[in-house]
C-alpha cells in the first residue's frame, strides 16, 4: 500500500451499535415478525468536511486517487471533467486534483479546462494528463516527441526542500504512463523533478498553490507517492486530516433520514459485509421503519443462509424476513450460459422477489414501503459504467442489472466507499468481525461462479468444493492474508483423469485466491504449496465429478476477480 494505510478514527473506540434485540428471523407466511429494535437516539448532521474534488479525465486510477486522499483522512469526491469550472467552484472545494487520462493534450476532442480554475485561488494538483493540461493551459510547453515512459521510472528530485518533496529521497522510483512530455514549466513555476527522458517531471508554484507531477503518485509503485500527495494536502492546501468514520456515519444518517422521511424501507440483505453495513447504517437512521429481506435464491455457499439468519439478527436486532426463492431462480436460469444474461436474470428476479416482499409487508403492516436499501460500492459503480470515461465491464445485480420498471427508490449509503472503508464503518457501528471481516461474495452468488448453465446439481457440486477451500484456508490461518478466494466450476469443460485405477471424465475446479486493497486492482495470492495441495486432494477425493483442480494466477487487470 502506498505510504501505509491510515484508518479513519485511528485510536478511537467504536461506539456501541445500540440495544441488541434477539429477534428471530421469519420466513414469509410462517409467523408474525418479531418486534423491531427500539429507534436510535437522534444523530445530528455534522458540518460538511473540507472536500477535495478529483476531476476525472477518464483515468483508470481516478477512483484510486480519491481513495488515497481519504486514506490521508481528508474527504474527497470525484467529478467528471465535463463539469463546468463554475459548477466545480460552486462546490466550494478546499482543493482540486486533476487525474490522469488516456488522451494526448494535442488530440482532437481531448478534455480541456478553463484557465479560470487555476486563477480561483483554490489549490490544484495535476497528475499525468492533469499535469500536462495545467502546463499547456498556463503557458508551459508540452511536446509530442514520442519520448514515452511506461512503468517504473527513476525520478531525480532537484528541489528536495520543496512543498511536495521535502523529506523524500533525491532519487526515487515512480510509476509513469505517458507519451507527451513537458519541456518547459509555465511562468512562475519552479521545476522540482525530472527523469532521464523528461526535463520537467514536477513543478510547483507556492504563491498560487498550483502543483503538478508527470507520474502517478496514487499507485503503490510510486514509492513515496502517498507522502507527496499528503504534502500537497497538508502543506500545499493547508488541510487538516480530520475526516473519520464518525463523519461518514453522521452524514449518512442525516441523509437517509431526509430521504426516507416517515416512509418505510426494505434492505436487500445478502449476508456479505456490504449489505450488512448498509442495513446497520439505515437502521441507525430510521430504526423500526426498516425491514431486512434475505432472498434465499439457492445460489449461496454452504451454510450461508443459516449463518445470515443467526449472526446478523444477533448483531443488530433488525427485523429479518427470509424468502425461499430457489426454485424460482433456477427455473429462470434454466438453459442460460451467457454470463451477462445470467446477471440480468438474477437482478430481475431479485427485484421481483422484493416487490412481492413489499406487498406482503404492506399487507401486514400498512405503511407504504417506498425504498430499497442496497450495499452498492464504488467499484460496483465504476465497473458498471458509472465512472467517467469507463467501459461497462460487467453489470452487477445491484447496479447495472436493475429493471427499468423498478418500483423502489434506491437508498445506497455506501455508494462512494471502497471495501476497506466499508469495513471500518462496520466496525465503528459495532458489527462483529464475523460479518465485517467476511470475504467479499458477489450479489449474483454462485450463479456467476459456474461457467455454463446453472443447475441444482452443479450448485451442490460447487458448494462442496467451495466449502473445502474455505475450511482449509481458515485452518491455515490465511483468511486475513487474502482478499477472497472465488472457487469456480468449469461446468462446460471436462477433462480426462484417473481415479481408482479407472479413467474419469470430470469437471475442473478453479481456485482464484487474490490479494487486493479495494477490488479496483488485484494480484493473485501466493498461497503455500502444502495448503494448495491439501485443497486439491480433498476436492478431488470428496467432490463427485471433479478430477482436476487448477490455480488462476492472473492479476487484475487484465482479468477480473470473478470469472463471469
Protein backbone atom coordinates (compact mmCIF):
# COMPACT_ATOMS: atom_id res chain seq x y z
CA UNK A 1 0.00 0.00 0.00
CA UNK A 2 1.22 3.46 -0.82
CA UNK A 3 2.70 5.17 2.19
CA UNK A 4 0.96 2.86 4.66
CA UNK A 5 -2.72 2.68 5.48
CA UNK A 6 -4.29 5.35 7.67
CA UNK A 7 -7.52 4.06 9.22
CA UNK A 8 -10.19 6.62 9.97
CA UNK A 9 -10.60 7.46 13.60
CA UNK A 10 -7.26 5.90 14.47
CA UNK A 11 -7.14 5.03 18.15
CA UNK A 12 -10.82 5.76 18.76
CA UNK A 13 -13.06 3.17 20.34
CA UNK A 14 -16.01 2.31 18.07
CA UNK A 15 -19.34 3.25 19.65
CA UNK A 16 -21.75 0.53 20.65
CA UNK A 17 -24.29 -0.17 17.95
CA UNK A 18 -27.23 0.11 20.30
CA UNK A 19 -29.52 -2.34 22.06
CA UNK A 20 -29.18 -5.83 20.62
CA UNK A 21 -32.53 -7.49 20.23
CA UNK A 22 -32.55 -11.25 19.88
CA UNK A 23 -35.38 -11.16 17.40
CA UNK A 24 -35.89 -14.30 15.37
CA UNK A 25 -35.86 -14.03 11.57
CA UNK A 26 -39.07 -15.20 9.98
CA UNK A 27 -39.92 -16.78 6.67
CA UNK A 28 -42.73 -15.16 4.77
CA UNK A 29 -46.08 -16.67 5.64
CA UNK A 30 -44.85 -18.72 8.58
CA UNK A 31 -45.31 -16.43 11.56
CA UNK A 32 -45.60 -12.83 12.67
CA UNK A 33 -42.30 -10.93 12.52
CA UNK A 34 -40.66 -10.23 15.86
CA UNK A 35 -40.76 -6.63 17.09
CA UNK A 36 -38.04 -4.42 15.59
CA UNK A 37 -35.38 -2.88 17.83
CA UNK A 38 -36.01 0.42 19.53
CA UNK A 39 -35.16 3.51 17.49
CA UNK A 40 -31.75 5.02 17.99
CA UNK A 41 -31.14 8.39 19.54
CA UNK A 42 -31.12 11.21 17.00
CA UNK A 43 -27.78 11.92 15.38
CA UNK A 44 -27.31 15.49 14.23
CA UNK A 45 -25.58 16.12 10.95
CA UNK A 46 -22.01 17.35 11.27
CA UNK A 47 -20.82 20.30 9.19
CA UNK A 48 -19.70 19.29 5.72
CA UNK A 49 -15.99 18.39 5.80
CA UNK A 50 -13.39 20.10 3.66
CA UNK A 51 -13.80 18.49 0.26
CA UNK A 52 -11.13 17.69 -2.29
CA UNK A 53 -12.56 17.35 -5.79
CA UNK A 54 -10.89 14.76 -8.01
CA UNK A 55 -11.53 15.74 -11.62
CA UNK A 56 -11.77 12.54 -13.66
CA UNK A 57 -10.30 12.76 -17.15
CA UNK A 58 -11.11 9.11 -17.87
CA UNK A 59 -8.19 7.68 -15.91
CA UNK A 60 -8.26 4.11 -14.70
CA UNK A 61 -6.84 5.45 -11.41
CA UNK A 62 -9.26 8.32 -10.71
CA UNK A 63 -11.09 6.32 -8.05
CA UNK A 64 -7.77 5.29 -6.54
CA UNK A 65 -6.77 8.95 -6.19
CA UNK A 66 -9.96 9.61 -4.24
CA UNK A 67 -9.19 6.62 -2.06
CA UNK A 68 -5.65 7.83 -1.33
CA UNK A 69 -6.97 11.24 -0.32
CA UNK A 70 -9.36 9.56 2.09
CA UNK A 71 -6.52 7.48 3.49
CA UNK A 72 -4.96 10.81 4.38
CA UNK A 73 -8.18 11.44 6.36
CA UNK A 74 -9.37 14.17 4.01
CA UNK A 75 -12.77 13.84 2.33
CA UNK A 76 -12.80 13.54 -1.47
CA UNK A 77 -15.37 13.37 -4.24
CA UNK A 78 -14.98 12.58 -7.93
CA UNK A 79 -16.44 14.89 -10.55
CA UNK A 80 -16.36 14.47 -14.34
CA UNK A 81 -14.04 16.61 -16.44
CA UNK A 82 -17.13 17.71 -18.39
CA UNK A 83 -18.43 19.60 -15.34
CA UNK A 84 -18.16 23.37 -15.95
CA UNK A 85 -15.49 25.06 -13.87
CA UNK A 86 -18.10 27.41 -12.39
CA UNK A 87 -20.00 24.38 -11.13
CA UNK A 88 -16.84 22.89 -9.62
CA UNK A 89 -16.05 26.12 -7.82
CA UNK A 90 -19.66 26.41 -6.64
CA UNK A 91 -18.99 23.28 -4.57
CA UNK A 92 -16.51 25.39 -2.59
CA UNK A 93 -13.73 22.79 -2.74
CA UNK A 94 -10.79 23.04 -0.37
CA UNK A 95 -8.53 21.69 -3.12
CA UNK A 96 -8.76 20.14 -6.57
CA UNK A 97 -6.81 17.22 -8.03
CA UNK A 98 -6.65 16.67 -11.79
CA UNK A 99 -6.40 12.98 -12.67
CA UNK A 100 -4.53 11.32 -15.48
CA UNK A 101 -6.28 10.18 -18.63
CA UNK A 102 -5.80 8.29 -21.88
CA UNK A 103 -5.77 11.36 -24.15
CA UNK A 104 -2.97 13.50 -25.51
CA UNK A 105 -3.39 17.20 -24.79
CA UNK A 106 -2.98 17.66 -28.55
CA UNK A 107 -5.64 15.15 -29.58
CA UNK A 108 -8.79 16.44 -31.23
CA UNK A 109 -11.60 16.44 -28.70
CA UNK A 110 -9.24 15.92 -25.74
CA UNK A 111 -10.63 17.18 -22.41
CA UNK A 112 -9.86 20.80 -21.57
CA UNK A 113 -10.19 23.08 -18.57
CA UNK A 114 -10.87 26.81 -18.39
CA UNK A 115 -7.97 28.91 -17.13
CA UNK A 116 -10.45 30.23 -14.55
CA UNK A 117 -9.87 27.09 -12.47
CA UNK A 118 -6.21 27.98 -11.91
CA UNK A 119 -6.99 31.62 -11.12
CA UNK A 120 -9.67 30.99 -8.50
CA UNK A 121 -7.25 30.71 -5.56
CA UNK A 122 -8.08 27.04 -4.96
CA UNK A 123 -5.03 24.77 -4.52
CA UNK A 124 -4.69 22.45 -7.54
CA UNK A 125 -2.58 19.32 -8.03
CA UNK A 126 -2.22 17.90 -11.55
CA UNK A 127 -1.19 14.28 -12.15
CA UNK A 128 -0.05 12.89 -15.53
CA UNK A 129 -2.62 14.25 -18.03
CA UNK A 130 -3.79 16.74 -15.42
CA UNK A 131 -0.16 17.91 -15.06
CA UNK A 132 0.19 18.40 -18.82
CA UNK A 133 -3.17 20.16 -19.04
CA UNK A 134 -2.11 22.57 -16.30
CA UNK A 135 1.18 23.20 -18.12
CA UNK A 136 -0.38 23.96 -21.51
CA UNK A 137 -3.27 25.99 -20.10
CA UNK A 138 -0.88 28.25 -18.17
CA UNK A 139 1.61 28.76 -20.98
CA UNK A 140 4.08 25.95 -20.45
CA UNK A 141 5.29 23.64 -23.20
CA UNK A 142 4.26 20.01 -23.71
CA UNK A 143 5.94 18.27 -26.63
CA UNK A 144 4.64 15.32 -28.59
CA UNK A 145 8.15 13.96 -29.11
CA UNK A 146 7.47 10.26 -28.77
CA UNK A 147 9.58 10.21 -25.60
CA UNK A 148 7.44 7.63 -23.89
CA UNK A 149 7.77 6.36 -20.32
CA UNK A 150 5.72 3.45 -19.01
CA UNK A 151 6.06 1.63 -15.71
CA UNK A 152 8.71 2.09 -13.02
CA UNK A 153 10.94 5.08 -13.75
CA UNK A 154 13.77 6.72 -11.74
CA UNK A 155 12.82 10.27 -10.66
CA UNK A 156 15.51 12.86 -9.93
CA UNK A 157 14.35 15.41 -7.33
CA UNK A 158 16.18 18.73 -7.82
CA UNK A 159 14.50 20.69 -5.01
CA UNK A 160 14.38 18.35 -2.02
CA UNK A 161 13.10 21.13 0.25
CA UNK A 162 10.08 21.87 -1.94
CA UNK A 163 6.49 21.64 -0.77
CA UNK A 164 5.90 18.30 -2.48
CA UNK A 165 9.24 16.57 -1.98
CA UNK A 166 10.57 17.68 1.40
CA UNK A 167 11.68 14.64 3.37
CA UNK A 168 11.75 12.31 0.36
CA UNK A 169 14.91 10.98 -1.34
CA UNK A 170 16.58 12.81 -4.20
CA UNK A 171 16.34 9.59 -6.22
CA UNK A 172 13.07 7.66 -6.08
CA UNK A 173 11.06 5.24 -8.19
CA UNK A 174 7.78 6.45 -9.69
CA UNK A 175 5.13 5.00 -11.99
CA UNK A 176 4.93 6.66 -15.40
CA UNK A 177 2.39 6.24 -18.18
CA UNK A 178 2.70 8.94 -20.85
CA UNK A 179 3.72 9.71 -24.40
CA UNK A 180 3.88 13.52 -24.43
CA UNK A 181 6.43 15.29 -22.23
CA UNK A 182 6.64 18.71 -20.58
CA UNK A 183 9.79 20.59 -21.67
CA UNK A 184 9.10 23.99 -20.13
CA UNK A 185 7.14 24.95 -17.00
CA UNK A 186 4.70 27.88 -17.04
CA UNK A 187 5.99 31.25 -15.90
CA UNK A 188 6.21 31.50 -12.10
CA UNK A 189 6.65 27.74 -11.60
CA UNK A 190 9.76 26.05 -10.21
CA UNK A 191 10.84 22.74 -11.74
CA UNK A 192 11.39 20.34 -8.83
CA UNK A 193 11.99 16.96 -10.51
CA UNK A 194 12.98 15.37 -13.81
CA UNK A 195 13.72 11.97 -15.34
CA UNK A 196 16.32 10.83 -17.87
CA UNK A 197 13.72 11.44 -20.59
CA UNK A 198 11.54 14.27 -19.27
CA UNK A 199 13.13 17.58 -18.23
CA UNK A 200 10.05 18.71 -16.33
CA UNK A 201 8.57 15.82 -14.32
CA UNK A 202 7.27 18.03 -11.49
CA UNK A 203 6.71 21.73 -10.95
CA UNK A 204 5.41 23.91 -8.12
CA UNK A 205 4.06 27.41 -7.62
CA UNK A 206 3.66 28.04 -3.90
CA UNK A 207 2.35 31.57 -4.38
CA UNK A 208 -0.64 30.36 -6.41
CA UNK A 209 -0.78 26.94 -4.70
CA UNK A 210 -0.51 25.10 -8.00
CA UNK A 211 1.43 21.83 -8.21
CA UNK A 212 1.91 19.03 -10.68
CA UNK A 213 3.77 15.77 -11.33
CA UNK A 214 4.08 13.81 -14.55
CA UNK A 215 3.75 10.45 -12.81
CA UNK A 216 1.06 8.64 -10.80
CA UNK A 217 1.70 9.19 -7.06
CA UNK A 218 -1.50 7.32 -6.21
CA UNK A 219 -0.23 3.86 -7.20
CA UNK A 220 1.85 1.74 -4.88
CA UNK A 221 4.70 1.51 -7.40
CA UNK A 222 5.48 5.20 -6.76
CA UNK A 223 7.49 4.56 -3.62
CA UNK A 224 6.87 7.93 -1.95
CA UNK A 225 3.66 8.76 -3.75
CA UNK A 226 1.40 8.91 -0.71
CA UNK A 227 3.87 11.17 1.06
CA UNK A 228 3.91 13.54 -1.92
CA UNK A 229 0.10 13.54 -2.08
CA UNK A 230 -0.15 14.26 1.64
CA UNK A 231 2.38 17.08 1.28
CA UNK A 232 0.04 18.67 -1.24
CA UNK A 233 -2.97 18.21 1.03
CA UNK A 234 -1.37 19.33 4.29
CA UNK A 235 1.37 21.74 3.17
CA UNK A 236 0.18 22.99 -0.21
CA UNK A 237 -3.55 23.18 0.50
CA UNK A 238 -3.31 23.60 4.28
CA UNK A 239 -5.89 20.89 5.04
CA UNK A 240 -6.28 19.13 8.38
CA UNK A 241 -6.55 15.31 8.46
CA UNK A 242 -9.77 15.10 10.44
CA UNK A 243 -12.21 13.12 8.30
CA UNK A 244 -13.23 9.96 10.19
CA UNK A 245 -15.74 7.15 10.13
CA UNK A 246 -17.78 9.17 12.58
CA UNK A 247 -18.16 11.85 9.90
CA UNK A 248 -19.30 9.22 7.40
CA UNK A 249 -21.86 7.74 9.74
CA UNK A 250 -23.27 11.08 10.92
CA UNK A 251 -23.53 12.38 7.36
CA UNK A 252 -25.23 9.28 6.02
CA UNK A 253 -27.64 9.01 8.94
CA UNK A 254 -28.78 12.58 8.28
CA UNK A 255 -29.09 11.98 4.52
CA UNK A 256 -31.02 8.74 4.99
CA UNK A 257 -33.48 10.38 7.39
CA UNK A 258 -34.02 13.22 4.96
CA UNK A 259 -34.53 10.84 2.02
CA UNK A 260 -36.81 8.29 3.70
CA UNK A 261 -38.79 10.59 5.95
CA UNK A 262 -41.67 8.76 7.62
CA UNK A 263 -41.94 6.03 4.98
CA UNK A 264 -40.64 2.50 5.20
CA UNK A 265 -37.65 0.80 3.61
CA UNK A 266 -36.58 -2.74 2.94
CA UNK A 267 -32.98 -3.81 2.62
CA UNK A 268 -31.65 -6.49 0.33
CA UNK A 269 -29.52 -8.45 2.76
CA UNK A 270 -27.12 -10.81 1.00
CA UNK A 271 -25.09 -11.89 4.00
CA UNK A 272 -22.00 -10.03 2.84
CA UNK A 273 -20.33 -7.10 4.56
CA UNK A 274 -21.67 -4.51 2.12
CA UNK A 275 -25.37 -5.12 2.62
CA UNK A 276 -24.87 -5.75 6.35
CA UNK A 277 -23.16 -2.39 6.88
CA UNK A 278 -25.71 -0.63 4.67
CA UNK A 279 -28.52 -2.16 6.74
CA UNK A 280 -26.84 -1.20 10.01
CA UNK A 281 -26.45 2.40 8.81
CA UNK A 282 -30.07 2.64 7.71
CA UNK A 283 -31.27 1.01 10.92
CA UNK A 284 -29.38 3.62 12.91
CA UNK A 285 -31.10 6.32 10.86
CA UNK A 286 -34.72 5.11 10.77
CA UNK A 287 -34.96 2.32 13.35
CA UNK A 288 -38.12 0.22 13.04
CA UNK A 289 -39.00 1.75 9.66
CA UNK A 290 -36.55 -0.78 8.17
CA UNK A 291 -37.24 -4.42 7.37
CA UNK A 292 -34.40 -6.56 6.01
CA UNK A 293 -35.26 -9.16 3.41
CA UNK A 294 -32.92 -12.03 2.69
CA UNK A 295 -33.61 -13.76 -0.61
CA UNK A 296 -32.53 -17.39 -0.46
CA UNK A 297 -32.08 -17.78 -4.22
CA UNK A 298 -30.30 -21.11 -3.93
CA UNK A 299 -27.05 -19.56 -5.19
CA UNK A 300 -25.38 -19.15 -1.80
CA UNK A 301 -22.45 -21.08 -0.36
CA UNK A 302 -22.89 -23.99 2.02
CA UNK A 303 -24.41 -22.98 5.38
CA UNK A 304 -24.59 -19.32 4.41
CA UNK A 305 -28.33 -18.82 4.74
CA UNK A 306 -28.37 -20.25 8.24
CA UNK A 307 -25.41 -18.06 9.21
CA UNK A 308 -27.13 -14.91 7.95
CA UNK A 309 -30.30 -15.71 9.88
CA UNK A 310 -28.32 -16.21 13.09
CA UNK A 311 -25.40 -13.75 13.01
CA UNK A 312 -26.97 -10.67 11.51
CA UNK A 313 -30.07 -10.64 13.69
CA UNK A 314 -27.98 -11.31 16.80
CA UNK A 315 -25.67 -8.41 15.93
CA UNK A 316 -28.26 -5.79 15.02
CA UNK A 317 -31.69 -6.84 16.22
CA UNK A 318 -33.09 -5.72 12.88
CA UNK A 319 -36.26 -7.41 11.70
CA UNK A 320 -35.38 -10.03 9.09
CA UNK A 321 -37.68 -11.78 6.64
CA UNK A 322 -36.32 -14.76 4.68
CA UNK A 323 -37.81 -15.60 1.28
CA UNK A 324 -37.28 -19.09 -0.14
CA UNK A 325 -36.93 -18.44 -3.89
CA UNK A 326 -34.55 -21.17 -5.02
CA UNK A 327 -36.99 -22.84 -7.42
CA UNK A 328 -37.92 -19.50 -8.98
CA UNK A 329 -34.31 -18.55 -9.71
CA UNK A 330 -33.29 -21.96 -11.05
CA UNK A 331 -36.29 -22.01 -13.36
CA UNK A 332 -35.42 -18.56 -14.71
CA UNK A 333 -31.78 -19.57 -15.22
CA UNK A 334 -32.51 -22.88 -16.94
CA UNK A 335 -30.66 -23.20 -20.25
CA UNK A 336 -28.80 -19.89 -19.84
CA UNK A 337 -24.99 -19.89 -20.16
CA UNK A 338 -24.15 -16.32 -21.15
CA UNK A 339 -22.72 -14.54 -18.06
CA UNK A 340 -24.31 -11.15 -18.76
CA UNK A 341 -27.69 -12.75 -19.34
CA UNK A 342 -27.34 -14.68 -16.07
CA UNK A 343 -26.54 -11.49 -14.17
CA UNK A 344 -29.53 -9.67 -15.65
CA UNK A 345 -31.88 -12.57 -14.92
CA UNK A 346 -30.68 -12.76 -11.32
CA UNK A 347 -31.07 -8.99 -10.97
CA UNK A 348 -34.57 -9.06 -12.46
CA UNK A 349 -35.77 -11.93 -10.29
CA UNK A 350 -34.14 -10.40 -7.23
CA UNK A 351 -36.17 -7.20 -7.65
CA UNK A 352 -39.38 -9.09 -8.41
CA UNK A 353 -38.99 -11.07 -5.18
CA UNK A 354 -38.53 -7.79 -3.35
CA UNK A 355 -41.68 -6.42 -4.91
CA UNK A 356 -43.57 -9.42 -3.59
CA UNK A 357 -41.95 -8.95 -0.18
CA UNK A 358 -43.04 -5.32 -0.31
CA UNK A 359 -46.62 -6.35 -0.98
CA UNK A 360 -46.56 -8.84 1.89
CA UNK A 361 -45.09 -6.31 4.32
CA UNK A 362 -47.65 -3.68 3.31
CA UNK A 363 -50.44 -6.22 3.74
CA UNK A 364 -49.19 -7.00 7.25
CA UNK A 365 -48.21 -3.52 8.41
CA UNK A 366 -49.99 -0.97 6.27
CA UNK A 367 -47.47 1.86 5.63
CA UNK A 368 -46.02 2.14 2.16
CA UNK A 369 -42.60 0.62 1.57
CA UNK A 370 -41.08 3.03 -0.91
CA UNK A 371 -37.33 2.50 -0.55
CA UNK A 372 -34.89 -0.30 -1.32
CA UNK A 373 -31.55 -0.27 0.54
CA UNK A 374 -28.56 -1.71 -1.28
CA UNK A 375 -24.89 -2.14 -0.40
CA UNK A 376 -23.59 -0.72 -3.68
CA UNK A 377 -19.89 0.25 -3.52
CA UNK A 378 -17.70 2.49 -5.65
CA UNK A 379 -16.08 -0.42 -7.58
CA UNK A 380 -19.59 -1.67 -8.47
CA UNK A 381 -20.45 1.73 -9.90
CA UNK A 382 -17.20 2.02 -11.84
CA UNK A 383 -17.33 -1.46 -13.36
CA UNK A 384 -20.95 -0.95 -14.34
CA UNK A 385 -20.01 2.06 -16.45
CA UNK A 386 -20.76 4.66 -13.79
CA UNK A 387 -17.31 6.24 -13.79
CA UNK A 388 -16.36 8.96 -16.22
CA UNK A 389 -14.65 7.51 -19.24
CA UNK A 390 -15.01 3.91 -18.07
CA UNK A 391 -16.38 0.98 -20.01
CA UNK A 392 -19.17 -1.25 -18.80
CA UNK A 393 -17.01 -4.19 -17.78
CA UNK A 394 -19.88 -6.18 -16.29
CA UNK A 395 -23.27 -5.48 -14.84
CA UNK A 396 -23.95 -6.00 -11.15
CA UNK A 397 -27.37 -7.04 -9.95
CA UNK A 398 -27.36 -4.09 -7.58
CA UNK A 399 -26.24 -1.53 -10.17
CA UNK A 400 -26.29 -2.27 -13.87
CA UNK A 401 -28.79 -5.10 -13.90
CA UNK A 402 -31.79 -3.34 -12.39
CA UNK A 403 -35.00 -3.48 -14.41
CA UNK A 404 -36.16 -0.22 -15.98
CA UNK A 405 -39.55 -0.50 -14.29
CA UNK A 406 -38.09 -0.60 -10.78
CA UNK A 407 -40.80 0.35 -8.30
CA UNK A 408 -38.49 1.38 -5.46
CA UNK A 409 -36.40 4.46 -4.83
CA UNK A 410 -32.87 3.32 -4.04
CA UNK A 411 -31.01 4.10 -0.81
CA UNK A 412 -27.30 3.42 -1.32
CA UNK A 413 -25.35 4.82 1.66
CA UNK A 414 -22.08 3.12 0.67
CA UNK A 415 -22.08 4.10 -3.00
CA UNK A 416 -18.95 6.27 -2.70
CA UNK A 417 -16.97 3.98 -0.42
CA UNK A 418 -14.37 1.30 -1.08
CA UNK A 419 -14.46 -2.10 0.58
CA UNK A 420 -11.93 -1.42 3.32
CA UNK A 421 -13.72 1.86 4.12
CA UNK A 422 -16.97 -0.08 4.48
CA UNK A 423 -15.30 -2.49 6.91
CA UNK A 424 -14.16 0.47 9.02
CA UNK A 425 -17.68 1.89 9.07
CA UNK A 426 -18.98 -1.54 10.10
CA UNK A 427 -16.50 -1.71 12.96
CA UNK A 428 -17.49 1.79 14.05
CA UNK A 429 -21.13 0.67 14.07
CA UNK A 430 -20.23 -2.21 16.36
CA UNK A 431 -20.82 -5.08 13.94
CA UNK A 432 -18.90 -8.27 14.84
CA UNK A 433 -15.82 -9.45 12.96
CA UNK A 434 -17.76 -12.45 11.64
CA UNK A 435 -19.69 -10.00 9.48
CA UNK A 436 -17.23 -7.14 8.97
CA UNK A 437 -14.21 -9.27 8.02
CA UNK A 438 -16.08 -11.69 5.83
CA UNK A 439 -14.55 -12.18 2.39
CA UNK A 440 -16.43 -10.47 -0.46
CA UNK A 441 -19.10 -12.51 -2.18
CA UNK A 442 -20.89 -11.36 -5.36
CA UNK A 443 -24.58 -10.47 -5.27
CA UNK A 444 -25.41 -12.99 -8.03
CA UNK A 445 -23.80 -15.64 -5.84
CA UNK A 446 -22.53 -18.91 -7.23
CA UNK A 447 -24.54 -18.25 -10.38
CA UNK A 448 -21.54 -16.37 -11.78
CA UNK A 449 -19.01 -18.90 -10.49
CA UNK A 450 -20.40 -21.61 -12.72
CA UNK A 451 -19.10 -21.21 -16.26
CA UNK A 452 -22.08 -22.61 -18.12
CA UNK A 453 -25.69 -23.34 -17.26
CA UNK A 454 -26.68 -23.12 -13.60
CA UNK A 455 -28.40 -26.25 -12.26
CA UNK A 456 -29.09 -27.61 -8.80
CA UNK A 457 -26.58 -30.45 -9.22
CA UNK A 458 -23.85 -28.09 -10.37
CA UNK A 459 -24.55 -25.70 -7.50
CA UNK A 460 -24.31 -28.54 -4.96
CA UNK A 461 -21.02 -29.68 -6.50
CA UNK A 462 -19.57 -26.16 -6.36
CA UNK A 463 -20.85 -25.64 -2.81
CA UNK A 464 -18.96 -28.71 -1.65
CA UNK A 465 -15.73 -27.65 -3.37
CA UNK A 466 -16.02 -24.09 -2.09
CA UNK A 467 -16.62 -25.27 1.48
CA UNK A 468 -13.45 -27.39 1.38
CA UNK A 469 -11.36 -24.49 0.10
CA UNK A 470 -12.68 -22.15 2.78
CA UNK A 471 -12.17 -24.73 5.53
CA UNK A 472 -8.53 -25.28 4.58
CA UNK A 473 -7.74 -21.58 4.20
CA UNK A 474 -9.21 -20.95 7.65
CA UNK A 475 -7.32 -23.88 9.15
CA UNK A 476 -4.08 -22.49 7.70
CA UNK A 477 -4.80 -19.04 9.20
CA UNK A 478 -4.90 -17.37 5.78
CA UNK A 479 -8.33 -15.72 5.92
CA UNK A 480 -6.89 -12.24 6.57
CA UNK A 481 -3.97 -12.70 4.15
CA UNK A 482 -6.12 -12.86 1.03
CA UNK A 483 -8.90 -10.61 -0.23
CA UNK A 484 -11.05 -13.51 -1.32
CA UNK A 485 -10.82 -16.89 -2.98
CA UNK A 486 -13.55 -17.48 -5.55
CA UNK A 487 -13.94 -21.16 -6.41
CA UNK A 488 -15.14 -21.62 -9.99
CA UNK A 489 -16.74 -24.63 -11.68
CA UNK A 490 -15.99 -25.04 -15.38
CA UNK A 491 -19.29 -26.77 -15.98
CA UNK A 492 -19.00 -26.86 -19.77
CA UNK A 493 -15.49 -28.33 -19.65
CA UNK A 494 -14.49 -31.90 -18.90
CA UNK A 495 -11.03 -33.38 -18.65
CA UNK A 496 -9.66 -36.91 -18.53
CA UNK A 497 -8.42 -38.20 -15.19
CA UNK A 498 -7.51 -41.40 -13.38
CA UNK A 499 -9.21 -42.30 -10.10
CA UNK A 500 -9.40 -45.73 -8.53
CA UNK A 501 -7.43 -47.35 -11.38
CA UNK A 502 -10.08 -46.22 -13.80
CA UNK A 503 -10.50 -43.48 -16.38
CA UNK A 504 -12.66 -40.50 -15.37
CA UNK A 505 -14.13 -37.63 -17.32
CA UNK A 506 -14.80 -34.90 -14.79
CA UNK A 507 -15.06 -31.16 -14.35
CA UNK A 508 -12.17 -28.86 -13.46
CA UNK A 509 -12.41 -26.62 -10.40
CA UNK A 510 -10.54 -23.30 -10.48
CA UNK A 511 -9.10 -21.67 -7.34
CA UNK A 512 -8.86 -17.89 -7.64
CA UNK A 513 -7.13 -16.56 -4.49
CA UNK A 514 -6.48 -12.82 -4.84
CA UNK A 515 -5.00 -10.01 -2.81
CA UNK A 516 -6.39 -6.51 -3.16
CA UNK A 517 -6.98 -3.27 -1.30
CA UNK A 518 -10.25 -2.18 -2.91
CA UNK A 519 -11.10 -4.59 -5.79
CA UNK A 520 -10.12 -1.95 -8.36
CA UNK A 521 -6.87 -3.86 -8.92
CA UNK A 522 -5.79 -7.25 -7.62
CA UNK A 523 -2.95 -9.74 -7.74
CA UNK A 524 -3.11 -13.49 -7.30
CA UNK A 525 -2.16 -14.64 -3.80
CA UNK A 526 0.95 -16.78 -3.39
CA UNK A 527 -0.56 -19.46 -1.16
CA UNK A 528 1.71 -22.10 0.40
CA UNK A 529 2.06 -25.18 -1.79
CA UNK A 530 1.09 -27.52 1.03
CA UNK A 531 -2.22 -25.67 1.51
CA UNK A 532 -2.95 -25.78 -2.23
CA UNK A 533 -2.09 -29.46 -2.30
CA UNK A 534 -4.42 -30.24 0.59
CA UNK A 535 -7.29 -28.31 -1.01
CA UNK A 536 -6.75 -30.09 -4.32
CA UNK A 537 -6.54 -33.54 -2.74
CA UNK A 538 -9.67 -33.05 -0.67
CA UNK A 539 -11.73 -31.66 -3.54
CA UNK A 540 -10.79 -34.44 -5.98
CA UNK A 541 -11.34 -37.09 -3.29
CA UNK A 542 -14.54 -35.75 -1.73
CA UNK A 543 -16.44 -33.98 -4.53
CA UNK A 544 -18.06 -36.20 -7.14
CA UNK A 545 -17.43 -35.47 -10.83
CA UNK A 546 -14.34 -33.34 -10.14
CA UNK A 547 -10.98 -34.77 -11.18
CA UNK A 548 -8.83 -31.68 -11.61
CA UNK A 549 -8.09 -28.51 -9.59
CA UNK A 550 -6.31 -25.59 -11.26
CA UNK A 551 -4.93 -22.30 -9.94
CA UNK A 552 -5.71 -18.95 -11.59
CA UNK A 553 -2.58 -16.77 -11.47
CA UNK A 554 -3.93 -13.79 -13.43
CA UNK A 555 -3.78 -10.28 -11.98
CA UNK A 556 -6.48 -7.60 -12.38
CA UNK A 557 -6.05 -6.15 -14.92
CA UNK A 558 -6.13 -7.92 -17.30
CA UNK A 559 -8.53 -10.39 -15.66
CA UNK A 560 -11.40 -9.52 -13.35
CA UNK A 561 -11.63 -11.16 -9.92
CA UNK A 562 -14.73 -13.13 -10.84
CA UNK A 563 -14.72 -15.25 -13.98
CA UNK A 564 -18.15 -14.05 -15.12
